[in-house]
Amino acid sequence: MKTNLFLNHRTLTLLSLLVLLLPFARPAVGQVSLAGNYNLVNAYVTDSYEQRSKAWWNALGRQLTLLIDVPYEQVNEPALQNIIFFAANHSEKVRLNDAVPKLTEIYLHHENVSYRMMALAALHAIGDEKTIHQLERTVRKEPSERIRKMTLAVLKDYYRKN
């Protein structure tokens, strides 16, 4: 029974996010098709994200947070990629601070280095000060040289900006 409830919750969450992102499934008004199916976006077309309401942004932040509200081993790559994208490009509109504890858990404990790097990129894009201090404390004990170097780069960038 627990599994069915989890699958239903997860399915509902994914469907909700799909509905939110459905308007972006068709080519933008300013796209020009070229031979070979390449699309160029007209630079003068306004970004459609700019037209979204505050309620839409709030719902998106909640949906992205819900996508990773599963045991850290079950988080999927697209969920992390979406968090990175929206945190990096629309941080002034979408609130993702509620995702920080789960992202920190993924960064600290996931066995896949790629997922840990994506979680670190998301934490960097969100820029939560408390998390940055936690990264400082854990970086020295980090067994993966790759993660340690990336974490040091994140810390350096954070302090350069602040």
N, C-alpha and C. Protein backbone atom coordinates (compact mmCIF):
# COMPACT_ATOMS: atom_id res chain seq x y z
N MET A 1 0.82 -1.19 0.00
CA MET A 1 0.00 0.00 0.00
C MET A 1 0.86 1.26 0.00
N LYS A 2 1.98 1.23 0.76
CA LYS A 2 2.88 2.38 0.81
C LYS A 2 3.46 2.69 -0.56
N THR A 3 3.85 1.66 -1.30
CA THR A 3 4.42 1.85 -2.63
C THR A 3 3.41 2.52 -3.56
N ASN A 4 2.17 2.06 -3.54
CA ASN A 4 1.15 2.66 -4.40
C ASN A 4 0.92 4.12 -4.06
N LEU A 5 0.92 4.44 -2.75
CA LEU A 5 0.75 5.83 -2.33
C LEU A 5 1.92 6.67 -2.82
N PHE A 6 3.14 6.13 -2.71
CA PHE A 6 4.32 6.86 -3.19
C PHE A 6 4.25 7.08 -4.69
N LEU A 7 3.89 6.02 -5.42
CA LEU A 7 3.81 6.16 -6.87
C LEU A 7 2.73 7.15 -7.27
N ASN A 8 1.61 7.13 -6.60
CA ASN A 8 0.53 8.07 -6.91
C ASN A 8 0.97 9.50 -6.62
N HIS A 9 1.64 9.73 -5.48
CA HIS A 9 2.13 11.06 -5.13
C HIS A 9 3.16 11.54 -6.15
N ARG A 10 4.06 10.65 -6.50
CA ARG A 10 5.10 11.00 -7.47
C ARG A 10 4.49 11.26 -8.84
N THR A 11 3.57 10.42 -9.25
CA THR A 11 2.91 10.60 -10.54
C THR A 11 2.16 11.92 -10.58
N LEU A 12 1.45 12.22 -9.50
CA LEU A 12 0.71 13.47 -9.42
C LEU A 12 1.66 14.67 -9.50
N THR A 13 2.78 14.58 -8.81
CA THR A 13 3.76 15.66 -8.84
C THR A 13 4.32 15.85 -10.24
N LEU A 14 4.69 14.77 -10.88
CA LEU A 14 5.26 14.87 -12.23
C LEU A 14 4.23 15.42 -13.22
N LEU A 15 2.99 14.96 -13.09
CA LEU A 15 1.95 15.47 -13.98
C LEU A 15 1.70 16.96 -13.75
N SER A 16 1.74 17.38 -12.49
CA SER A 16 1.55 18.81 -12.18
C SER A 16 2.65 19.65 -12.82
N LEU A 17 3.89 19.18 -12.73
CA LEU A 17 5.00 19.91 -13.34
C LEU A 17 4.86 19.92 -14.85
N LEU A 18 4.44 18.81 -15.42
CA LEU A 18 4.23 18.73 -16.86
C LEU A 18 3.19 19.74 -17.31
N VAL A 19 2.11 19.87 -16.55
CA VAL A 19 1.06 20.83 -16.90
C VAL A 19 1.61 22.26 -16.84
N LEU A 20 2.45 22.53 -15.84
CA LEU A 20 3.06 23.86 -15.74
C LEU A 20 3.96 24.17 -16.93
N LEU A 21 4.66 23.16 -17.43
CA LEU A 21 5.63 23.38 -18.49
C LEU A 21 5.06 23.13 -19.88
N LEU A 22 3.82 22.66 -19.97
CA LEU A 22 3.20 22.34 -21.24
C LEU A 22 3.19 23.50 -22.24
N PRO A 23 2.96 24.74 -21.80
CA PRO A 23 2.97 25.84 -22.78
C PRO A 23 4.30 25.99 -23.52
N PHE A 24 5.37 25.43 -22.98
CA PHE A 24 6.67 25.57 -23.62
C PHE A 24 6.96 24.45 -24.60
N ALA A 25 6.03 23.53 -24.79
CA ALA A 25 6.26 22.37 -25.64
C ALA A 25 6.21 22.70 -27.13
N ARG A 26 5.64 23.84 -27.50
CA ARG A 26 5.59 24.20 -28.92
C ARG A 26 6.64 25.26 -29.21
N PRO A 27 7.02 25.40 -30.47
CA PRO A 27 8.03 26.40 -30.81
C PRO A 27 7.56 27.81 -30.44
N ALA A 28 8.49 28.62 -30.01
CA ALA A 28 8.18 30.00 -29.67
C ALA A 28 7.81 30.78 -30.92
N VAL A 29 7.09 31.86 -30.74
CA VAL A 29 6.63 32.68 -31.86
C VAL A 29 7.81 33.18 -32.68
N GLY A 30 8.92 33.48 -32.03
CA GLY A 30 10.04 34.07 -32.73
C GLY A 30 11.03 33.07 -33.30
N GLN A 31 10.73 31.78 -33.23
CA GLN A 31 11.66 30.80 -33.77
C GLN A 31 11.52 30.70 -35.28
N VAL A 32 12.66 30.58 -35.93
CA VAL A 32 12.70 30.45 -37.38
C VAL A 32 13.27 29.07 -37.69
N SER A 33 12.54 28.27 -38.47
CA SER A 33 13.03 26.94 -38.82
C SER A 33 14.03 27.04 -39.96
N LEU A 34 15.09 26.29 -39.85
CA LEU A 34 16.11 26.22 -40.88
C LEU A 34 16.20 24.79 -41.38
N ALA A 35 16.85 24.61 -42.49
CA ALA A 35 17.06 23.26 -43.01
C ALA A 35 17.78 22.44 -41.95
N GLY A 36 17.42 21.21 -41.80
CA GLY A 36 18.05 20.36 -40.81
C GLY A 36 17.40 20.48 -39.45
N ASN A 37 16.24 21.11 -39.35
CA ASN A 37 15.48 21.25 -38.11
C ASN A 37 16.20 22.05 -37.03
N TYR A 38 17.06 22.97 -37.41
CA TYR A 38 17.68 23.86 -36.44
C TYR A 38 16.76 25.04 -36.23
N ASN A 39 16.64 25.50 -35.01
CA ASN A 39 15.80 26.66 -34.72
C ASN A 39 16.66 27.79 -34.18
N LEU A 40 16.40 28.98 -34.66
CA LEU A 40 17.03 30.18 -34.13
C LEU A 40 15.94 31.00 -33.47
N VAL A 41 16.24 31.57 -32.32
CA VAL A 41 15.25 32.39 -31.63
C VAL A 41 15.52 33.84 -31.99
N ASN A 42 14.47 34.52 -32.42
CA ASN A 42 14.57 35.94 -32.73
C ASN A 42 14.91 36.69 -31.45
N ALA A 43 15.97 37.46 -31.47
CA ALA A 43 16.44 38.18 -30.28
C ALA A 43 15.44 39.21 -29.79
N TYR A 44 14.51 39.62 -30.61
CA TYR A 44 13.57 40.67 -30.22
C TYR A 44 12.30 40.13 -29.59
N VAL A 45 12.16 38.81 -29.51
CA VAL A 45 10.98 38.22 -28.89
C VAL A 45 11.19 38.21 -27.38
N THR A 46 10.20 38.66 -26.64
CA THR A 46 10.29 38.71 -25.18
C THR A 46 10.27 37.30 -24.61
N ASP A 47 11.09 37.08 -23.61
CA ASP A 47 11.13 35.80 -22.92
C ASP A 47 9.77 35.53 -22.32
N SER A 48 9.20 34.37 -22.65
CA SER A 48 7.86 34.05 -22.16
C SER A 48 7.81 33.90 -20.64
N TYR A 49 8.94 33.61 -19.99
CA TYR A 49 8.96 33.52 -18.53
C TYR A 49 8.63 34.86 -17.90
N GLU A 50 8.99 35.93 -18.57
CA GLU A 50 8.74 37.27 -18.03
C GLU A 50 7.26 37.56 -17.88
N GLN A 51 6.44 36.86 -18.61
CA GLN A 51 5.01 37.10 -18.59
C GLN A 51 4.29 36.26 -17.54
N ARG A 52 4.99 35.44 -16.81
CA ARG A 52 4.37 34.56 -15.83
C ARG A 52 4.04 35.33 -14.55
N SER A 53 2.95 34.92 -13.91
CA SER A 53 2.50 35.58 -12.69
C SER A 53 3.32 35.11 -11.49
N LYS A 54 3.21 35.84 -10.40
CA LYS A 54 3.88 35.47 -9.16
C LYS A 54 3.37 34.11 -8.66
N ALA A 55 2.07 33.88 -8.82
CA ALA A 55 1.49 32.59 -8.40
C ALA A 55 2.10 31.44 -9.20
N TRP A 56 2.35 31.66 -10.50
CA TRP A 56 2.96 30.63 -11.33
C TRP A 56 4.36 30.31 -10.83
N TRP A 57 5.15 31.34 -10.52
CA TRP A 57 6.51 31.14 -10.02
C TRP A 57 6.50 30.42 -8.67
N ASN A 58 5.55 30.79 -7.80
CA ASN A 58 5.45 30.12 -6.50
C ASN A 58 5.11 28.65 -6.68
N ALA A 59 4.17 28.36 -7.58
CA ALA A 59 3.80 26.97 -7.84
C ALA A 59 4.97 26.19 -8.42
N LEU A 60 5.71 26.81 -9.31
CA LEU A 60 6.88 26.15 -9.89
C LEU A 60 7.90 25.81 -8.81
N GLY A 61 8.18 26.75 -7.92
CA GLY A 61 9.12 26.49 -6.83
C GLY A 61 8.68 25.33 -5.95
N ARG A 62 7.38 25.28 -5.64
CA ARG A 62 6.85 24.18 -4.83
C ARG A 62 6.96 22.85 -5.58
N GLN A 63 6.65 22.86 -6.88
CA GLN A 63 6.71 21.62 -7.68
C GLN A 63 8.15 21.10 -7.79
N LEU A 64 9.08 21.99 -8.03
CA LEU A 64 10.48 21.57 -8.14
C LEU A 64 10.97 21.00 -6.81
N THR A 65 10.55 21.60 -5.71
CA THR A 65 10.92 21.09 -4.39
C THR A 65 10.30 19.72 -4.15
N LEU A 66 9.04 19.55 -4.55
CA LEU A 66 8.37 18.25 -4.38
C LEU A 66 9.03 17.14 -5.21
N LEU A 67 9.58 17.50 -6.36
CA LEU A 67 10.21 16.50 -7.21
C LEU A 67 11.39 15.81 -6.55
N ILE A 68 12.05 16.52 -5.64
CA ILE A 68 13.20 15.90 -4.96
C ILE A 68 12.86 15.49 -3.54
N ASP A 69 11.60 15.58 -3.16
CA ASP A 69 11.17 15.19 -1.82
C ASP A 69 10.91 13.68 -1.78
N VAL A 70 11.95 12.95 -2.08
CA VAL A 70 11.96 11.49 -2.07
C VAL A 70 13.29 11.07 -1.44
N PRO A 71 13.46 9.79 -1.08
CA PRO A 71 14.79 9.39 -0.62
C PRO A 71 15.85 9.79 -1.65
N TYR A 72 16.98 10.29 -1.18
CA TYR A 72 17.97 10.87 -2.08
C TYR A 72 18.44 9.92 -3.18
N GLU A 73 18.36 8.62 -2.95
CA GLU A 73 18.77 7.66 -3.98
C GLU A 73 17.79 7.62 -5.15
N GLN A 74 16.55 8.13 -4.93
CA GLN A 74 15.51 8.06 -5.95
C GLN A 74 15.31 9.36 -6.72
N VAL A 75 16.08 10.37 -6.40
CA VAL A 75 15.96 11.64 -7.11
C VAL A 75 16.39 11.43 -8.55
N ASN A 76 15.66 12.05 -9.49
CA ASN A 76 16.04 11.86 -10.89
C ASN A 76 16.79 13.08 -11.43
N GLU A 77 17.56 12.82 -12.44
CA GLU A 77 18.43 13.83 -13.04
C GLU A 77 17.67 15.04 -13.58
N PRO A 78 16.57 14.87 -14.32
CA PRO A 78 15.85 16.05 -14.82
C PRO A 78 15.36 16.99 -13.71
N ALA A 79 14.97 16.43 -12.57
CA ALA A 79 14.53 17.28 -11.46
C ALA A 79 15.67 18.19 -11.01
N LEU A 80 16.86 17.62 -10.87
CA LEU A 80 18.02 18.43 -10.48
C LEU A 80 18.38 19.45 -11.55
N GLN A 81 18.31 19.05 -12.80
CA GLN A 81 18.62 19.96 -13.90
C GLN A 81 17.65 21.14 -13.93
N ASN A 82 16.38 20.88 -13.68
CA ASN A 82 15.39 21.96 -13.66
C ASN A 82 15.64 22.92 -12.50
N ILE A 83 16.01 22.39 -11.36
CA ILE A 83 16.31 23.25 -10.22
C ILE A 83 17.51 24.13 -10.53
N ILE A 84 18.54 23.54 -11.11
CA ILE A 84 19.72 24.32 -11.49
C ILE A 84 19.34 25.42 -12.47
N PHE A 85 18.58 25.07 -13.50
CA PHE A 85 18.20 26.05 -14.53
C PHE A 85 17.43 27.22 -13.92
N PHE A 86 16.38 26.92 -13.17
CA PHE A 86 15.54 28.00 -12.65
C PHE A 86 16.24 28.80 -11.56
N ALA A 87 17.06 28.14 -10.74
CA ALA A 87 17.79 28.87 -9.70
C ALA A 87 18.85 29.78 -10.33
N ALA A 88 19.49 29.32 -11.39
CA ALA A 88 20.55 30.11 -12.02
C ALA A 88 19.99 31.24 -12.89
N ASN A 89 18.86 31.02 -13.53
CA ASN A 89 18.36 31.99 -14.50
C ASN A 89 17.18 32.84 -14.03
N HIS A 90 16.50 32.39 -12.99
CA HIS A 90 15.31 33.11 -12.53
C HIS A 90 15.25 33.17 -11.01
N SER A 91 16.41 33.35 -10.38
CA SER A 91 16.47 33.33 -8.92
C SER A 91 15.65 34.45 -8.27
N GLU A 92 15.45 35.53 -9.00
CA GLU A 92 14.69 36.65 -8.44
C GLU A 92 13.19 36.37 -8.43
N LYS A 93 12.77 35.31 -9.13
CA LYS A 93 11.33 35.01 -9.23
C LYS A 93 10.93 33.71 -8.55
N VAL A 94 11.75 32.69 -8.68
CA VAL A 94 11.38 31.38 -8.13
C VAL A 94 12.10 31.18 -6.80
N ARG A 95 11.36 30.71 -5.82
CA ARG A 95 11.90 30.50 -4.48
C ARG A 95 12.18 29.01 -4.31
N LEU A 96 13.47 28.67 -4.12
CA LEU A 96 13.86 27.27 -4.01
C LEU A 96 14.56 26.95 -2.70
N ASN A 97 14.48 27.84 -1.73
CA ASN A 97 15.16 27.61 -0.45
C ASN A 97 14.65 26.36 0.27
N ASP A 98 13.39 25.99 0.04
CA ASP A 98 12.86 24.78 0.68
C ASP A 98 13.50 23.51 0.13
N ALA A 99 14.15 23.60 -1.01
CA ALA A 99 14.82 22.44 -1.61
C ALA A 99 16.23 22.25 -1.05
N VAL A 100 16.75 23.24 -0.34
CA VAL A 100 18.14 23.20 0.13
C VAL A 100 18.44 22.00 1.02
N PRO A 101 17.61 21.64 2.01
CA PRO A 101 17.97 20.48 2.84
C PRO A 101 18.11 19.18 2.02
N LYS A 102 17.21 18.95 1.09
CA LYS A 102 17.29 17.73 0.28
C LYS A 102 18.49 17.79 -0.67
N LEU A 103 18.76 18.96 -1.25
CA LEU A 103 19.93 19.11 -2.12
C LEU A 103 21.22 18.86 -1.33
N THR A 104 21.25 19.34 -0.10
CA THR A 104 22.42 19.13 0.75
C THR A 104 22.60 17.64 1.05
N GLU A 105 21.50 16.95 1.30
CA GLU A 105 21.56 15.51 1.55
C GLU A 105 22.09 14.77 0.31
N ILE A 106 21.63 15.16 -0.85
CA ILE A 106 22.12 14.53 -2.09
C ILE A 106 23.61 14.81 -2.26
N TYR A 107 24.01 16.05 -2.03
CA TYR A 107 25.42 16.43 -2.15
C TYR A 107 26.29 15.61 -1.20
N LEU A 108 25.83 15.43 0.02
CA LEU A 108 26.65 14.75 1.02
C LEU A 108 26.65 13.22 0.91
N HIS A 109 25.53 12.64 0.42
CA HIS A 109 25.40 11.19 0.57
C HIS A 109 25.18 10.38 -0.71
N HIS A 110 24.83 11.01 -1.81
CA HIS A 110 24.52 10.21 -3.01
C HIS A 110 25.78 9.50 -3.49
N GLU A 111 25.61 8.25 -3.92
CA GLU A 111 26.78 7.47 -4.35
C GLU A 111 27.26 7.87 -5.75
N ASN A 112 26.39 8.48 -6.56
CA ASN A 112 26.74 8.88 -7.92
C ASN A 112 27.34 10.29 -7.89
N VAL A 113 28.58 10.41 -8.33
CA VAL A 113 29.28 11.70 -8.31
C VAL A 113 28.56 12.74 -9.17
N SER A 114 27.96 12.32 -10.26
CA SER A 114 27.23 13.26 -11.13
C SER A 114 26.07 13.90 -10.40
N TYR A 115 25.35 13.12 -9.63
CA TYR A 115 24.22 13.66 -8.86
C TYR A 115 24.72 14.61 -7.77
N ARG A 116 25.82 14.25 -7.16
CA ARG A 116 26.41 15.12 -6.13
C ARG A 116 26.84 16.46 -6.75
N MET A 117 27.41 16.40 -7.95
CA MET A 117 27.83 17.63 -8.63
C MET A 117 26.62 18.48 -9.02
N MET A 118 25.55 17.84 -9.47
CA MET A 118 24.34 18.60 -9.81
C MET A 118 23.73 19.23 -8.56
N ALA A 119 23.73 18.49 -7.46
CA ALA A 119 23.20 19.05 -6.21
C ALA A 119 24.05 20.25 -5.78
N LEU A 120 25.36 20.14 -5.92
CA LEU A 120 26.25 21.26 -5.58
C LEU A 120 26.00 22.45 -6.50
N ALA A 121 25.81 22.20 -7.78
CA ALA A 121 25.50 23.29 -8.72
C ALA A 121 24.19 23.97 -8.34
N ALA A 122 23.20 23.19 -7.93
CA ALA A 122 21.92 23.76 -7.51
C ALA A 122 22.09 24.58 -6.24
N LEU A 123 22.83 24.06 -5.28
CA LEU A 123 23.08 24.81 -4.04
C LEU A 123 23.81 26.12 -4.34
N HIS A 124 24.76 26.06 -5.24
CA HIS A 124 25.49 27.26 -5.64
C HIS A 124 24.55 28.28 -6.28
N ALA A 125 23.68 27.82 -7.16
CA ALA A 125 22.75 28.72 -7.84
C ALA A 125 21.76 29.34 -6.85
N ILE A 126 21.32 28.57 -5.86
CA ILE A 126 20.39 29.10 -4.86
C ILE A 126 21.12 30.08 -3.94
N GLY A 127 22.37 29.75 -3.57
CA GLY A 127 23.19 30.68 -2.81
C GLY A 127 22.80 30.87 -1.36
N ASP A 128 22.30 29.81 -0.72
CA ASP A 128 21.90 29.88 0.68
C ASP A 128 23.14 30.00 1.58
N GLU A 129 23.21 31.05 2.38
CA GLU A 129 24.40 31.33 3.20
C GLU A 129 24.68 30.22 4.20
N LYS A 130 23.67 29.70 4.83
CA LYS A 130 23.84 28.63 5.82
C LYS A 130 24.46 27.39 5.15
N THR A 131 24.02 27.08 3.95
CA THR A 131 24.56 25.92 3.22
C THR A 131 26.01 26.16 2.84
N ILE A 132 26.33 27.37 2.44
CA ILE A 132 27.72 27.70 2.09
C ILE A 132 28.64 27.43 3.28
N HIS A 133 28.20 27.82 4.48
CA HIS A 133 29.01 27.56 5.68
C HIS A 133 29.15 26.06 5.95
N GLN A 134 28.09 25.30 5.67
CA GLN A 134 28.18 23.85 5.83
C GLN A 134 29.16 23.26 4.82
N LEU A 135 29.16 23.78 3.60
CA LEU A 135 30.12 23.31 2.60
C LEU A 135 31.55 23.57 3.06
N GLU A 136 31.78 24.71 3.68
CA GLU A 136 33.12 25.04 4.20
C GLU A 136 33.58 23.99 5.22
N ARG A 137 32.64 23.58 6.07
CA ARG A 137 32.99 22.62 7.13
C ARG A 137 33.24 21.22 6.58
N THR A 138 32.56 20.84 5.51
CA THR A 138 32.66 19.47 5.01
C THR A 138 33.69 19.27 3.90
N VAL A 139 34.13 20.34 3.27
CA VAL A 139 34.99 20.20 2.09
C VAL A 139 36.32 19.52 2.41
N ARG A 140 36.87 19.77 3.58
CA ARG A 140 38.17 19.18 3.93
C ARG A 140 38.11 17.66 4.05
N LYS A 141 36.93 17.16 4.45
CA LYS A 141 36.78 15.71 4.64
C LYS A 141 36.27 15.00 3.39
N GLU A 142 36.04 15.74 2.32
CA GLU A 142 35.48 15.17 1.10
C GLU A 142 36.45 14.17 0.47
N PRO A 143 36.03 12.90 0.32
CA PRO A 143 36.93 11.88 -0.23
C PRO A 143 37.15 12.01 -1.75
N SER A 144 36.20 12.56 -2.47
CA SER A 144 36.33 12.69 -3.92
C SER A 144 37.07 13.99 -4.26
N GLU A 145 38.20 13.84 -4.93
CA GLU A 145 38.97 15.03 -5.31
C GLU A 145 38.16 15.93 -6.26
N ARG A 146 37.43 15.31 -7.14
CA ARG A 146 36.61 16.06 -8.10
C ARG A 146 35.55 16.92 -7.38
N ILE A 147 34.84 16.32 -6.43
CA ILE A 147 33.83 17.05 -5.66
C ILE A 147 34.51 18.12 -4.79
N ARG A 148 35.63 17.78 -4.20
CA ARG A 148 36.34 18.74 -3.35
C ARG A 148 36.76 19.98 -4.15
N LYS A 149 37.30 19.77 -5.35
CA LYS A 149 37.72 20.90 -6.18
C LYS A 149 36.52 21.74 -6.63
N MET A 150 35.44 21.06 -6.98
CA MET A 150 34.24 21.78 -7.40
C MET A 150 33.65 22.58 -6.24
N THR A 151 33.67 21.99 -5.05
CA THR A 151 33.16 22.68 -3.86
C THR A 151 34.01 23.91 -3.56
N LEU A 152 35.31 23.77 -3.66
CA LEU A 152 36.19 24.93 -3.44
C LEU A 152 35.93 26.03 -4.47
N ALA A 153 35.65 25.65 -5.71
CA ALA A 153 35.32 26.64 -6.74
C ALA A 153 34.01 27.35 -6.41
N VAL A 154 33.03 26.60 -5.92
CA VAL A 154 31.75 27.19 -5.52
C VAL A 154 31.96 28.18 -4.37
N LEU A 155 32.73 27.78 -3.38
CA LEU A 155 33.00 28.66 -2.24
C LEU A 155 33.74 29.93 -2.68
N LYS A 156 34.72 29.77 -3.55
CA LYS A 156 35.46 30.92 -4.06
C LYS A 156 34.54 31.88 -4.81
N ASP A 157 33.69 31.34 -5.65
CA ASP A 157 32.75 32.18 -6.41
C ASP A 157 31.77 32.87 -5.49
N TYR A 158 31.26 32.16 -4.49
CA TYR A 158 30.29 32.75 -3.56
C TYR A 158 30.92 33.94 -2.83
N TYR A 159 32.13 33.77 -2.32
CA TYR A 159 32.76 34.85 -1.56
C TYR A 159 33.25 35.99 -2.46
N ARG A 160 33.54 35.68 -3.69
CA ARG A 160 33.91 36.74 -4.64
C ARG A 160 32.71 37.66 -4.90
N LYS A 161 31.53 37.06 -4.99
CA LYS A 161 30.32 37.83 -5.25
C LYS A 161 29.77 38.56 -4.03
N ASN A 162 30.04 37.99 -2.85
CA ASN A 162 29.47 38.57 -1.62
C ASN A 162 30.47 39.27 -0.80
